[in-house]
């Protein structure tokens, strides 16, 4: 079965960096979109970034554009989220997701993704 396993979360000071990884297995992801979402306590899950499995297309939430970079290593079946200049408001559980690419391109809604990881906690202290 499909498995998405996130790693790389932790505690970091504001202005610091973290790199999250998402190891994907269980099917061929060619043609899929890979996304990162996050959910802070008391808030709904929100879109962070997405990338096509080929790596040719990316899409970012306005709140992270210019600070976060999503990438994919097809040989390792792994998606990364490099997070720089972290802010306390970036504190959340970060989830990796996989889904088909719709006619509108890379999705930014949870409903557009079929598979989810268990999440990894990112805490940014001020």
PDB file of N, CA and C in Angstrom:
ATOM      1  N   UNK A   1       0.829  -1.185   0.000  1.00  0.00           N
ATOM      2  CA  UNK A   1       0.000   0.000   0.000  1.00  0.00           C
ATOM      3  C   UNK A   1       0.878   1.256   0.000  1.00  0.00           C
ATOM      4  N   UNK A   2       0.256   2.371  -0.335  1.00  0.00           N
ATOM      5  CA  UNK A   2       0.999   3.625  -0.402  1.00  0.00           C
ATOM      6  C   UNK A   2       1.379   4.077   1.006  1.00  0.00           C
ATOM      7  N   UNK A   3       2.639   4.478   1.137  1.00  0.00           N
ATOM      8  CA  UNK A   3       3.105   5.040   2.402  1.00  0.00           C
ATOM      9  C   UNK A   3       3.861   6.327   2.134  1.00  0.00           C
ATOM     10  N   UNK A   4       3.547   7.329   2.925  1.00  0.00           N
ATOM     11  CA  UNK A   4       4.280   8.591   2.909  1.00  0.00           C
ATOM     12  C   UNK A   4       4.792   8.802   4.328  1.00  0.00           C
ATOM     13  N   UNK A   5       6.105   8.892   4.473  1.00  0.00           N
ATOM     14  CA  UNK A   5       6.698   8.993   5.806  1.00  0.00           C
ATOM     15  C   UNK A   5       7.518  10.277   5.881  1.00  0.00           C
ATOM     16  N   UNK A   6       7.065  11.187   6.727  1.00  0.00           N
ATOM     17  CA  UNK A   6       7.757  12.460   6.897  1.00  0.00           C
ATOM     18  C   UNK A   6       8.818  12.360   7.983  1.00  0.00           C
ATOM     19  N   UNK A   7       9.831  13.184   7.851  1.00  0.00           N
ATOM     20  CA  UNK A   7      10.868  13.293   8.872  1.00  0.00           C
ATOM     21  C   UNK A   7      11.506  14.665   8.757  1.00  0.00           C
ATOM     22  N   UNK A   8      12.292  15.034   9.771  1.00  0.00           N
ATOM     23  CA  UNK A   8      13.035  16.278   9.715  1.00  0.00           C
ATOM     24  C   UNK A   8      12.477  17.406  10.558  1.00  0.00           C
ATOM     25  N   UNK A   9      11.334  17.198  11.188  1.00  0.00           N
ATOM     26  CA  UNK A   9      10.784  18.240  12.023  1.00  0.00           C
ATOM     27  C   UNK A   9      11.601  18.422  13.294  1.00  0.00           C
ATOM     28  N   UNK A  10      11.279  19.480  14.034  1.00  0.00           N
ATOM     29  CA  UNK A  10      11.992  19.732  15.283  1.00  0.00           C
ATOM     30  C   UNK A  10      11.741  21.122  15.794  1.00  0.00           C
ATOM     31  N   UNK A  11      12.572  21.519  16.757  1.00  0.00           N
ATOM     32  CA  UNK A  11      12.479  22.831  17.389  1.00  0.00           C
ATOM     33  C   UNK A  11      13.616  23.699  16.856  1.00  0.00           C
ATOM     34  N   UNK A  12      13.280  24.892  16.408  1.00  0.00           N
ATOM     35  CA  UNK A  12      14.272  25.808  15.860  1.00  0.00           C
ATOM     36  C   UNK A  12      13.922  27.229  16.262  1.00  0.00           C
ATOM     37  N   UNK A  13      14.927  28.080  16.375  1.00  0.00           N
ATOM     38  CA  UNK A  13      14.676  29.476  16.700  1.00  0.00           C
ATOM     39  C   UNK A  13      14.229  30.242  15.453  1.00  0.00           C
ATOM     40  N   UNK A  14      13.519  31.310  15.682  1.00  0.00           N
ATOM     41  CA  UNK A  14      13.092  32.173  14.573  1.00  0.00           C
ATOM     42  C   UNK A  14      14.317  32.608  13.766  1.00  0.00           C
ATOM     43  N   UNK A  15      14.147  32.576  12.446  1.00  0.00           N
ATOM     44  CA  UNK A  15      15.256  32.884  11.556  1.00  0.00           C
ATOM     45  C   UNK A  15      16.058  31.671  11.129  1.00  0.00           C
ATOM     46  N   UNK A  16      15.821  30.546  11.781  1.00  0.00           N
ATOM     47  CA  UNK A  16      16.553  29.324  11.466  1.00  0.00           C
ATOM     48  C   UNK A  16      15.956  28.565  10.301  1.00  0.00           C
ATOM     49  N   UNK A  17      16.522  27.387  10.045  1.00  0.00           N
ATOM     50  CA  UNK A  17      16.121  26.572   8.893  1.00  0.00           C
ATOM     51  C   UNK A  17      15.900  25.124   9.306  1.00  0.00           C
ATOM     52  N   UNK A  18      15.045  24.458   8.564  1.00  0.00           N
ATOM     53  CA  UNK A  18      14.824  23.018   8.683  1.00  0.00           C
ATOM     54  C   UNK A  18      14.563  22.467   7.290  1.00  0.00           C
ATOM     55  N   UNK A  19      14.884  21.207   7.090  1.00  0.00           N
ATOM     56  CA  UNK A  19      14.522  20.526   5.852  1.00  0.00           C
ATOM     57  C   UNK A  19      13.689  19.294   6.191  1.00  0.00           C
ATOM     58  N   UNK A  20      12.474  19.295   5.696  1.00  0.00           N
ATOM     59  CA  UNK A  20      11.591  18.150   5.866  1.00  0.00           C
ATOM     60  C   UNK A  20      11.749  17.200   4.685  1.00  0.00           C
ATOM     61  N   UNK A  21      11.618  15.905   4.971  1.00  0.00           N
ATOM     62  CA  UNK A  21      11.667  14.884   3.932  1.00  0.00           C
ATOM     63  C   UNK A  21      10.383  14.068   3.962  1.00  0.00           C
ATOM     64  N   UNK A  22       9.992  13.584   2.804  1.00  0.00           N
ATOM     65  CA  UNK A  22       8.825  12.717   2.686  1.00  0.00           C
ATOM     66  C   UNK A  22       9.210  11.546   1.792  1.00  0.00           C
ATOM     67  N   UNK A  23       9.379  10.377   2.394  1.00  0.00           N
ATOM     68  CA  UNK A  23       9.721   9.173   1.643  1.00  0.00           C
ATOM     69  C   UNK A  23       8.441   8.496   1.176  1.00  0.00           C
ATOM     70  N   UNK A  24       8.303   8.334  -0.139  1.00  0.00           N
ATOM     71  CA  UNK A  24       7.081   7.785  -0.729  1.00  0.00           C
ATOM     72  C   UNK A  24       7.322   6.371  -1.253  1.00  0.00           C
ATOM     73  N   UNK A  25       6.367   5.485  -1.024  1.00  0.00           N
ATOM     74  CA  UNK A  25       6.497   4.114  -1.499  1.00  0.00           C
ATOM     75  C   UNK A  25       5.126   3.507  -1.749  1.00  0.00           C
ATOM     76  N   UNK A  26       5.105   2.378  -2.437  1.00  0.00           N
ATOM     77  CA  UNK A  26       3.868   1.633  -2.599  1.00  0.00           C
ATOM     78  C   UNK A  26       3.189   1.751  -3.948  1.00  0.00           C
ATOM     79  N   UNK A  27       3.656   2.665  -4.769  1.00  0.00           N
ATOM     80  CA  UNK A  27       3.093   2.793  -6.115  1.00  0.00           C
ATOM     81  C   UNK A  27       4.032   3.656  -6.947  1.00  0.00           C
ATOM     82  N   UNK A  28       3.712   3.750  -8.219  1.00  0.00           N
ATOM     83  CA  UNK A  28       4.430   4.664  -9.095  1.00  0.00           C
ATOM     84  C   UNK A  28       3.787   6.039  -8.992  1.00  0.00           C
ATOM     85  N   UNK A  29       4.602   7.050  -8.717  1.00  0.00           N
ATOM     86  CA  UNK A  29       4.068   8.388  -8.515  1.00  0.00           C
ATOM     87  C   UNK A  29       4.210   9.274  -9.753  1.00  0.00           C
ATOM     88  N   UNK A  30       4.656   8.701 -10.834  1.00  0.00           N
ATOM     89  CA  UNK A  30       4.756   9.448 -12.074  1.00  0.00           C
ATOM     90  C   UNK A  30       3.393  10.037 -12.422  1.00  0.00           C
ATOM     91  N   UNK A  31       3.363  11.335 -12.724  1.00  0.00           N
ATOM     92  CA  UNK A  31       2.114  12.007 -13.035  1.00  0.00           C
ATOM     93  C   UNK A  31       1.379  12.534 -11.812  1.00  0.00           C
ATOM     94  N   UNK A  32       1.903  12.257 -10.655  1.00  0.00           N
ATOM     95  CA  UNK A  32       1.274  12.720  -9.426  1.00  0.00           C
ATOM     96  C   UNK A  32       1.792  14.098  -9.012  1.00  0.00           C
ATOM     97  N   UNK A  33       0.994  14.759  -8.203  1.00  0.00           N
ATOM     98  CA  UNK A  33       1.406  15.969  -7.504  1.00  0.00           C
ATOM     99  C   UNK A  33       1.741  15.588  -6.073  1.00  0.00           C
ATOM    100  N   UNK A  34       2.819  16.152  -5.553  1.00  0.00           N
ATOM    101  CA  UNK A  34       3.211  15.944  -4.168  1.00  0.00           C
ATOM    102  C   UNK A  34       3.083  17.272  -3.444  1.00  0.00           C
ATOM    103  N   UNK A  35       2.399  17.252  -2.323  1.00  0.00           N
ATOM    104  CA  UNK A  35       2.153  18.501  -1.625  1.00  0.00           C
ATOM    105  C   UNK A  35       2.587  18.455  -0.172  1.00  0.00           C
ATOM    106  N   UNK A  36       2.807  19.633   0.369  1.00  0.00           N
ATOM    107  CA  UNK A  36       3.025  19.803   1.800  1.00  0.00           C
ATOM    108  C   UNK A  36       1.903  20.696   2.331  1.00  0.00           C
ATOM    109  N   UNK A  37       1.305  20.251   3.429  1.00  0.00           N
ATOM    110  CA  UNK A  37       0.289  21.016   4.137  1.00  0.00           C
ATOM    111  C   UNK A  37       0.740  21.149   5.586  1.00  0.00           C
ATOM    112  N   UNK A  38       0.105  22.053   6.326  1.00  0.00           N
ATOM    113  CA  UNK A  38       0.410  22.185   7.743  1.00  0.00           C
ATOM    114  C   UNK A  38      -0.859  22.512   8.515  1.00  0.00           C
ATOM    115  N   UNK A  39      -0.830  22.129   9.788  1.00  0.00           N
ATOM    116  CA  UNK A  39      -1.974  22.398  10.656  1.00  0.00           C
ATOM    117  C   UNK A  39      -1.473  22.830  12.017  1.00  0.00           C
ATOM    118  N   UNK A  40      -1.807  24.059  12.381  1.00  0.00           N
ATOM    119  CA  UNK A  40      -1.456  24.595  13.689  1.00  0.00           C
ATOM    120  C   UNK A  40      -2.590  24.287  14.664  1.00  0.00           C
ATOM    121  N   UNK A  41      -2.310  24.274  15.970  1.00  0.00           N
ATOM    122  CA  UNK A  41      -3.349  23.989  16.964  1.00  0.00           C
ATOM    123  C   UNK A  41      -4.532  24.940  16.823  1.00  0.00           C
ATOM    124  N   UNK A  42      -5.727  24.378  16.768  1.00  0.00           N
ATOM    125  CA  UNK A  42      -6.929  25.184  16.695  1.00  0.00           C
ATOM    126  C   UNK A  42      -7.234  25.756  15.326  1.00  0.00           C
ATOM    127  N   UNK A  43      -6.418  25.407  14.330  1.00  0.00           N
ATOM    128  CA  UNK A  43      -6.624  25.931  12.979  1.00  0.00           C
ATOM    129  C   UNK A  43      -6.847  24.782  12.006  1.00  0.00           C
ATOM    130  N   UNK A  44      -7.413  25.124  10.862  1.00  0.00           N
ATOM    131  CA  UNK A  44      -7.625  24.115   9.836  1.00  0.00           C
ATOM    132  C   UNK A  44      -6.330  23.867   9.066  1.00  0.00           C
ATOM    133  N   UNK A  45      -6.283  22.727   8.395  1.00  0.00           N
ATOM    134  CA  UNK A  45      -5.100  22.386   7.612  1.00  0.00           C
ATOM    135  C   UNK A  45      -4.978  23.350   6.436  1.00  0.00           C
ATOM    136  N   UNK A  46      -3.762  23.821   6.180  1.00  0.00           N
ATOM    137  CA  UNK A  46      -3.565  24.770   5.100  1.00  0.00           C
ATOM    138  C   UNK A  46      -2.448  24.319   4.151  1.00  0.00           C
ATOM    139  N   UNK A  47      -2.605  24.699   2.923  1.00  0.00           N
ATOM    140  CA  UNK A  47      -1.643  24.375   1.868  1.00  0.00           C
ATOM    141  C   UNK A  47      -0.350  25.156   2.075  1.00  0.00           C
ATOM    142  N   UNK A  48       0.770  24.480   1.808  1.00  0.00           N
ATOM    143  CA  UNK A  48       2.075  25.119   1.904  1.00  0.00           C
ATOM    144  C   UNK A  48       2.743  25.178   0.521  1.00  0.00           C
ATOM    145  N   UNK A  49       2.888  24.014  -0.116  1.00  0.00           N
ATOM    146  CA  UNK A  49       3.583  23.966  -1.399  1.00  0.00           C
ATOM    147  C   UNK A  49       3.260  22.660  -2.107  1.00  0.00           C
ATOM    148  N   UNK A  50       3.430  22.654  -3.424  1.00  0.00           N
ATOM    149  CA  UNK A  50       3.212  21.438  -4.202  1.00  0.00           C
ATOM    150  C   UNK A  50       4.213  21.392  -5.349  1.00  0.00           C
ATOM    151  N   UNK A  51       4.472  20.171  -5.815  1.00  0.00           N
ATOM    152  CA  UNK A  51       5.403  19.973  -6.922  1.00  0.00           C
ATOM    153  C   UNK A  51       4.922  18.788  -7.741  1.00  0.00           C
ATOM    154  N   UNK A  52       5.123  18.857  -9.046  1.00  0.00           N
ATOM    155  CA  UNK A  52       4.846  17.706  -9.883  1.00  0.00           C
ATOM    156  C   UNK A  52       5.940  16.672  -9.668  1.00  0.00           C
ATOM    157  N   UNK A  53       5.605  15.396  -9.851  1.00  0.00           N
ATOM    158  CA  UNK A  53       6.602  14.357  -9.600  1.00  0.00           C
ATOM    159  C   UNK A  53       7.831  14.521 -10.497  1.00  0.00           C
ATOM    160  N   UNK A  54       7.630  15.074 -11.669  1.00  0.00           N
ATOM    161  CA  UNK A  54       8.769  15.325 -12.557  1.00  0.00           C
ATOM    162  C   UNK A  54       9.653  16.458 -12.053  1.00  0.00           C
ATOM    163  N   UNK A  55       9.097  17.284 -11.170  1.00  0.00           N
ATOM    164  CA  UNK A  55       9.834  18.441 -10.659  1.00  0.00           C
ATOM    165  C   UNK A  55       9.693  19.673 -11.534  1.00  0.00           C
ATOM    166  N   UNK A  56       8.947  19.549 -12.627  1.00  0.00           N
ATOM    167  CA  UNK A  56       8.868  20.647 -13.578  1.00  0.00           C
ATOM    168  C   UNK A  56       7.950  21.787 -13.167  1.00  0.00           C
ATOM    169  N   UNK A  57       7.037  21.518 -12.243  1.00  0.00           N
ATOM    170  CA  UNK A  57       6.097  22.557 -11.813  1.00  0.00           C
ATOM    171  C   UNK A  57       6.076  22.638 -10.300  1.00  0.00           C
ATOM    172  N   UNK A  58       6.029  23.864  -9.792  1.00  0.00           N
ATOM    173  CA  UNK A  58       5.911  24.084  -8.352  1.00  0.00           C
ATOM    174  C   UNK A  58       4.868  25.162  -8.092  1.00  0.00           C
ATOM    175  N   UNK A  59       4.378  25.162  -6.870  1.00  0.00           N
ATOM    176  CA  UNK A  59       3.314  26.105  -6.491  1.00  0.00           C
ATOM    177  C   UNK A  59       3.446  26.331  -4.998  1.00  0.00           C
ATOM    178  N   UNK A  60       3.399  27.607  -4.564  1.00  0.00           N
ATOM    179  CA  UNK A  60       3.606  27.928  -3.162  1.00  0.00           C
ATOM    180  C   UNK A  60       2.469  28.784  -2.625  1.00  0.00           C
ATOM    181  N   UNK A  61       2.195  28.612  -1.350  1.00  0.00           N
ATOM    182  CA  UNK A  61       1.321  29.548  -0.662  1.00  0.00           C
ATOM    183  C   UNK A  61       2.046  30.883  -0.538  1.00  0.00           C
ATOM    184  N   UNK A  62       1.279  31.944  -0.562  1.00  0.00           N
ATOM    185  CA  UNK A  62       1.864  33.281  -0.488  1.00  0.00           C
ATOM    186  C   UNK A  62       2.685  33.457   0.788  1.00  0.00           C
ATOM    187  N   UNK A  63       2.221  32.843   1.867  1.00  0.00           N
ATOM    188  CA  UNK A  63       2.858  33.030   3.174  1.00  0.00           C
ATOM    189  C   UNK A  63       4.266  32.438   3.251  1.00  0.00           C
ATOM    190  N   UNK A  64       4.602  31.522   2.342  1.00  0.00           N
ATOM    191  CA  UNK A  64       5.916  30.870   2.408  1.00  0.00           C
ATOM    192  C   UNK A  64       6.768  31.141   1.182  1.00  0.00           C
ATOM    193  N   UNK A  65       6.201  31.748   0.164  1.00  0.00           N
ATOM    194  CA  UNK A  65       6.950  31.982  -1.070  1.00  0.00           C
ATOM    195  C   UNK A  65       8.171  32.847  -0.792  1.00  0.00           C
ATOM    196  N   UNK A  66       9.307  32.406  -1.316  1.00  0.00           N
ATOM    197  CA  UNK A  66      10.556  33.118  -1.079  1.00  0.00           C
ATOM    198  C   UNK A  66      11.316  32.627   0.135  1.00  0.00           C
ATOM    199  N   UNK A  67      10.657  31.869   1.008  1.00  0.00           N
ATOM    200  CA  UNK A  67      11.320  31.310   2.194  1.00  0.00           C
ATOM    201  C   UNK A  67      11.424  29.779   2.121  1.00  0.00           C
ATOM    202  N   UNK A  68      10.439  29.140   1.542  1.00  0.00           N
ATOM    203  CA  UNK A  68      10.397  27.680   1.457  1.00  0.00           C
ATOM    204  C   UNK A  68      10.650  27.243   0.019  1.00  0.00           C
ATOM    205  N   UNK A  69      11.302  26.091  -0.138  1.00  0.00           N
ATOM    206  CA  UNK A  69      11.538  25.517  -1.456  1.00  0.00           C
ATOM    207  C   UNK A  69      11.174  24.041  -1.433  1.00  0.00           C
ATOM    208  N   UNK A  70      10.313  23.635  -2.361  1.00  0.00           N
ATOM    209  CA  UNK A  70       9.936  22.231  -2.486  1.00  0.00           C
ATOM    210  C   UNK A  70      10.728  21.615  -3.632  1.00  0.00           C
ATOM    211  N   UNK A  71      11.162  20.368  -3.442  1.00  0.00           N
ATOM    212  CA  UNK A  71      11.927  19.684  -4.480  1.00  0.00           C
ATOM    213  C   UNK A  71      11.643  18.191  -4.393  1.00  0.00           C
ATOM    214  N   UNK A  72      12.038  17.467  -5.439  1.00  0.00           N
ATOM    215  CA  UNK A  72      11.804  16.024  -5.469  1.00  0.00           C
ATOM    216  C   UNK A  72      13.038  15.321  -6.020  1.00  0.00           C
ATOM    217  N   UNK A  73      13.375  14.197  -5.411  1.00  0.00           N
ATOM    218  CA  UNK A  73      14.455  13.327  -5.895  1.00  0.00           C
ATOM    219  C   UNK A  73      13.788  12.036  -6.357  1.00  0.00           C
ATOM    220  N   UNK A  74      13.598  11.912  -7.654  1.00  0.00           N
ATOM    221  CA  UNK A  74      12.893  10.745  -8.195  1.00  0.00           C
ATOM    222  C   UNK A  74      13.633   9.436  -7.895  1.00  0.00           C
ATOM    223  N   UNK A  75      14.949   9.476  -7.911  1.00  0.00           N
ATOM    224  CA  UNK A  75      15.726   8.261  -7.670  1.00  0.00           C
ATOM    225  C   UNK A  75      15.511   7.736  -6.250  1.00  0.00           C
ATOM    226  N   UNK A  76      15.288   8.643  -5.324  1.00  0.00           N
ATOM    227  CA  UNK A  76      15.086   8.260  -3.926  1.00  0.00           C
ATOM    228  C   UNK A  76      13.611   8.220  -3.548  1.00  0.00           C
ATOM    229  N   UNK A  77      12.724   8.546  -4.496  1.00  0.00           N
ATOM    230  CA  UNK A  77      11.287   8.602  -4.193  1.00  0.00           C
ATOM    231  C   UNK A  77      11.012   9.483  -2.979  1.00  0.00           C
ATOM    232  N   UNK A  78      11.661  10.608  -2.933  1.00  0.00           N
ATOM    233  CA  UNK A  78      11.570  11.484  -1.759  1.00  0.00           C
ATOM    234  C   UNK A  78      11.309  12.925  -2.187  1.00  0.00           C
ATOM    235  N   UNK A  79      10.421  13.557  -1.436  1.00  0.00           N
ATOM    236  CA  UNK A  79      10.093  14.965  -1.630  1.00  0.00           C
ATOM    237  C   UNK A  79      10.636  15.739  -0.432  1.00  0.00           C
ATOM    238  N   UNK A  80      11.156  16.906  -0.693  1.00  0.00           N
ATOM    239  CA  UNK A  80      11.750  17.724   0.364  1.00  0.00           C
ATOM    240  C   UNK A  80      11.046  19.070   0.468  1.00  0.00           C
ATOM    241  N   UNK A  81      11.112  19.632   1.665  1.00  0.00           N
ATOM    242  CA  UNK A  81      10.663  21.001   1.876  1.00  0.00           C
ATOM    243  C   UNK A  81      11.750  21.712   2.671  1.00  0.00           C
ATOM    244  N   UNK A  82      12.513  22.547   1.991  1.00  0.00           N
ATOM    245  CA  UNK A  82      13.537  23.347   2.645  1.00  0.00           C
ATOM    246  C   UNK A  82      12.883  24.612   3.171  1.00  0.00           C
ATOM    247  N   UNK A  83      12.974  24.829   4.469  1.00  0.00           N
ATOM    248  CA  UNK A  83      12.327  25.967   5.112  1.00  0.00           C
ATOM    249  C   UNK A  83      13.390  26.871   5.710  1.00  0.00           C
ATOM    250  N   UNK A  84      13.479  28.088   5.185  1.00  0.00           N
ATOM    251  CA  UNK A  84      14.449  29.068   5.669  1.00  0.00           C
ATOM    252  C   UNK A  84      13.730  30.258   6.296  1.00  0.00           C
ATOM    253  N   UNK A  85      14.468  31.021   7.085  1.00  0.00           N
ATOM    254  CA  UNK A  85      13.919  32.200   7.738  1.00  0.00           C
ATOM    255  C   UNK A  85      12.583  31.870   8.422  1.00  0.00           C
ATOM    256  N   UNK A  86      12.605  30.840   9.215  1.00  0.00           N
ATOM    257  CA  UNK A  86      11.374  30.390   9.870  1.00  0.00           C
ATOM    258  C   UNK A  86      10.861  31.410  10.874  1.00  0.00           C
ATOM    259  N   UNK A  87       9.544  31.467  10.979  1.00  0.00           N
ATOM    260  CA  UNK A  87       8.868  32.400  11.870  1.00  0.00           C
ATOM    261  C   UNK A  87       8.020  31.613  12.864  1.00  0.00           C
ATOM    262  N   UNK A  88       7.719  32.192  14.022  1.00  0.00           N
ATOM    263  CA  UNK A  88       6.865  31.483  14.997  1.00  0.00           C
ATOM    264  C   UNK A  88       5.531  31.046  14.389  1.00  0.00           C
ATOM    265  N   UNK A  89       5.003  31.811  13.458  1.00  0.00           N
ATOM    266  CA  UNK A  89       3.724  31.447  12.842  1.00  0.00           C
ATOM    267  C   UNK A  89       3.829  30.249  11.899  1.00  0.00           C
ATOM    268  N   UNK A  90       5.045  29.771  11.646  1.00  0.00           N
ATOM    269  CA  UNK A  90       5.222  28.545  10.867  1.00  0.00           C
ATOM    270  C   UNK A  90       5.065  27.292  11.737  1.00  0.00           C
ATOM    271  N   UNK A  91       4.938  27.483  13.036  1.00  0.00           N
ATOM    272  CA  UNK A  91       4.765  26.355  13.944  1.00  0.00           C
ATOM    273  C   UNK A  91       3.497  25.580  13.612  1.00  0.00           C
ATOM    274  N   UNK A  92       3.655  24.279  13.371  1.00  0.00           N
ATOM    275  CA  UNK A  92       2.522  23.436  12.983  1.00  0.00           C
ATOM    276  C   UNK A  92       3.004  22.004  12.816  1.00  0.00           C
ATOM    277  N   UNK A  93       2.044  21.102  12.648  1.00  0.00           N
ATOM    278  CA  UNK A  93       2.357  19.760  12.168  1.00  0.00           C
ATOM    279  C   UNK A  93       2.335  19.821  10.641  1.00  0.00           C
ATOM    280  N   UNK A  94       3.398  19.353  10.029  1.00  0.00           N
ATOM    281  CA  UNK A  94       3.528  19.394   8.579  1.00  0.00           C
ATOM    282  C   UNK A  94       3.252  18.006   8.007  1.00  0.00           C
ATOM    283  N   UNK A  95       2.390  17.972   6.981  1.00  0.00           N
ATOM    284  CA  UNK A  95       1.977  16.731   6.362  1.00  0.00           C
ATOM    285  C   UNK A  95       2.397  16.692   4.893  1.00  0.00           C
ATOM    286  N   UNK A  96       2.835  15.526   4.463  1.00  0.00           N
ATOM    287  CA  UNK A  96       3.110  15.265   3.066  1.00  0.00           C
ATOM    288  C   UNK A  96       1.880  14.591   2.459  1.00  0.00           C
ATOM    289  N   UNK A  97       1.593  14.898   1.197  1.00  0.00           N
ATOM    290  CA  UNK A  97       0.428  14.325   0.537  1.00  0.00           C
ATOM    291  C   UNK A  97       0.727  14.050  -0.927  1.00  0.00           C
ATOM    292  N   UNK A  98       0.010  13.087  -1.492  1.00  0.00           N
ATOM    293  CA  UNK A  98       0.156  12.747  -2.912  1.00  0.00           C
ATOM    294  C   UNK A  98      -1.221  12.662  -3.548  1.00  0.00           C
ATOM    295  N   UNK A  99      -1.321  13.201  -4.759  1.00  0.00           N
ATOM    296  CA  UNK A  99      -2.604  13.170  -5.443  1.00  0.00           C
ATOM    297  C   UNK A  99      -2.452  13.371  -6.932  1.00  0.00           C
ATOM    298  N   UNK A 100      -3.511  13.083  -7.671  1.00  0.00           N
ATOM    299  CA  UNK A 100      -3.458  13.285  -9.100  1.00  0.00           C
ATOM    300  C   UNK A 100      -3.450  14.762  -9.456  1.00  0.00           C
ATOM    301  N   UNK A 101      -2.875  15.075 -10.577  1.00  0.00           N
ATOM    302  CA  UNK A 101      -2.861  16.451 -11.068  1.00  0.00           C
ATOM    303  C   UNK A 101      -4.142  16.684 -11.852  1.00  0.00           C
ATOM    304  N   UNK A 102      -4.969  17.617 -11.378  1.00  0.00           N
ATOM    305  CA  UNK A 102      -6.235  17.904 -12.025  1.00  0.00           C
ATOM    306  C   UNK A 102      -6.071  18.829 -13.220  1.00  0.00           C
ATOM    307  N   UNK A 103      -7.174  19.119 -13.890  1.00  0.00           N
ATOM    308  CA  UNK A 103      -7.105  20.017 -15.050  1.00  0.00           C
ATOM    309  C   UNK A 103      -6.623  21.403 -14.700  1.00  0.00           C
ATOM    310  N   UNK A 104      -6.760  21.790 -13.440  1.00  0.00           N
ATOM    311  CA  UNK A 104      -6.298  23.103 -13.011  1.00  0.00           C
ATOM    312  C   UNK A 104      -4.848  23.129 -12.616  1.00  0.00           C
ATOM    313  N   UNK A 105      -4.165  21.982 -12.725  1.00  0.00           N
ATOM    314  CA  UNK A 105      -2.766  21.932 -12.343  1.00  0.00           C
ATOM    315  C   UNK A 105      -2.574  21.430 -10.920  1.00  0.00           C
ATOM    316  N   UNK A 106      -1.487  21.816 -10.288  1.00  0.00           N
ATOM    317  CA  UNK A 106      -1.166  21.362  -8.941  1.00  0.00           C
ATOM    318  C   UNK A 106      -2.216  21.862  -7.953  1.00  0.00           C
ATOM    319  N   UNK A 107      -2.708  20.940  -7.119  1.00  0.00           N
ATOM    320  CA  UNK A 107      -3.781  21.285  -6.211  1.00  0.00           C
ATOM    321  C   UNK A 107      -3.310  21.964  -4.944  1.00  0.00           C
ATOM    322  N   UNK A 108      -4.179  22.802  -4.384  1.00  0.00           N
ATOM    323  CA  UNK A 108      -3.887  23.437  -3.104  1.00  0.00           C
ATOM    324  C   UNK A 108      -4.962  23.142  -2.070  1.00  0.00           C
ATOM    325  N   UNK A 109      -5.867  22.254  -2.390  1.00  0.00           N
ATOM    326  CA  UNK A 109      -6.912  21.865  -1.446  1.00  0.00           C
ATOM    327  C   UNK A 109      -6.683  20.422  -0.995  1.00  0.00           C
ATOM    328  N   UNK A 110      -6.940  20.164   0.280  1.00  0.00           N
ATOM    329  CA  UNK A 110      -6.738  18.828   0.838  1.00  0.00           C
ATOM    330  C   UNK A 110      -7.505  17.767   0.063  1.00  0.00           C
ATOM    331  N   UNK A 111      -8.681  18.128  -0.412  1.00  0.00           N
ATOM    332  CA  UNK A 111      -9.545  17.168  -1.112  1.00  0.00           C
ATOM    333  C   UNK A 111      -8.943  16.681  -2.425  1.00  0.00           C
ATOM    334  N   UNK A 112      -7.938  17.378  -2.925  1.00  0.00           N
ATOM    335  CA  UNK A 112      -7.313  16.995  -4.187  1.00  0.00           C
ATOM    336  C   UNK A 112      -6.211  15.961  -3.999  1.00  0.00           C
ATOM    337  N   UNK A 113      -5.947  15.586  -2.760  1.00  0.00           N
ATOM    338  CA  UNK A 113      -4.874  14.644  -2.464  1.00  0.00           C
ATOM    339  C   UNK A 113      -5.461  13.360  -1.882  1.00  0.00           C
ATOM    340  N   UNK A 114      -4.931  12.220  -2.364  1.00  0.00           N
ATOM    341  CA  UNK A 114      -5.473  10.912  -2.000  1.00  0.00           C
ATOM    342  C   UNK A 114      -4.738  10.252  -0.839  1.00  0.00           C
ATOM    343  N   UNK A 115      -3.467  10.533  -0.722  1.00  0.00           N
ATOM    344  CA  UNK A 115      -2.634   9.840   0.263  1.00  0.00           C
ATOM    345  C   UNK A 115      -1.952  10.859   1.174  1.00  0.00           C
ATOM    346  N   UNK A 116      -1.830  10.491   2.455  1.00  0.00           N
ATOM    347  CA  UNK A 116      -1.279  11.403   3.452  1.00  0.00           C
ATOM    348  C   UNK A 116      -0.298  10.682   4.356  1.00  0.00           C
ATOM    349  N   UNK A 117       0.714  11.429   4.798  1.00  0.00           N
ATOM    350  CA  UNK A 117       1.613  10.917   5.818  1.00  0.00           C
ATOM    351  C   UNK A 117       1.070  11.192   7.206  1.00  0.00           C
ATOM    352  N   UNK A 118       1.832  10.800   8.212  1.00  0.00           N
ATOM    353  CA  UNK A 118       1.386  10.923   9.599  1.00  0.00           C
ATOM    354  C   UNK A 118       1.715  12.282  10.199  1.00  0.00           C
ATOM    355  N   UNK A 119       2.576  13.039   9.528  1.00  0.00           N
ATOM    356  CA  UNK A 119       2.899  14.378   9.994  1.00  0.00           C
ATOM    357  C   UNK A 119       4.171  14.441  10.817  1.00  0.00           C
ATOM    358  N   UNK A 120       4.804  15.605  10.805  1.00  0.00           N
ATOM    359  CA  UNK A 120       5.992  15.850  11.615  1.00  0.00           C
ATOM    360  C   UNK A 120       5.878  17.249  12.213  1.00  0.00           C
ATOM    361  N   UNK A 121       6.201  17.370  13.501  1.00  0.00           N
ATOM    362  CA  UNK A 121       6.019  18.634  14.219  1.00  0.00           C
ATOM    363  C   UNK A 121       7.180  19.584  13.934  1.00  0.00           C
ATOM    364  N   UNK A 122       6.830  20.818  13.618  1.00  0.00           N
ATOM    365  CA  UNK A 122       7.800  21.900  13.483  1.00  0.00           C
ATOM    366  C   UNK A 122       7.421  22.977  14.483  1.00  0.00           C
ATOM    367  N   UNK A 123       8.358  23.329  15.353  1.00  0.00           N
ATOM    368  CA  UNK A 123       8.120  24.364  16.350  1.00  0.00           C
ATOM    369  C   UNK A 123       9.187  25.435  16.214  1.00  0.00           C
ATOM    370  N   UNK A 124       8.735  26.674  16.033  1.00  0.00           N
ATOM    371  CA  UNK A 124       9.648  27.801  15.873  1.00  0.00           C
ATOM    372  C   UNK A 124       9.488  28.715  17.083  1.00  0.00           C
ATOM    373  N   UNK A 125      10.558  28.884  17.826  1.00  0.00           N
ATOM    374  CA  UNK A 125      10.504  29.724  19.021  1.00  0.00           C
ATOM    375  C   UNK A 125      10.936  31.147  18.679  1.00  0.00           C
ATOM    376  N   UNK A 126      10.355  32.101  19.401  1.00  0.00           N
ATOM    377  CA  UNK A 126      10.658  33.519  19.133  1.00  0.00           C
ATOM    378  C   UNK A 126      11.849  33.991  19.942  1.00  0.00           C
TER     379      UNK A 126
END
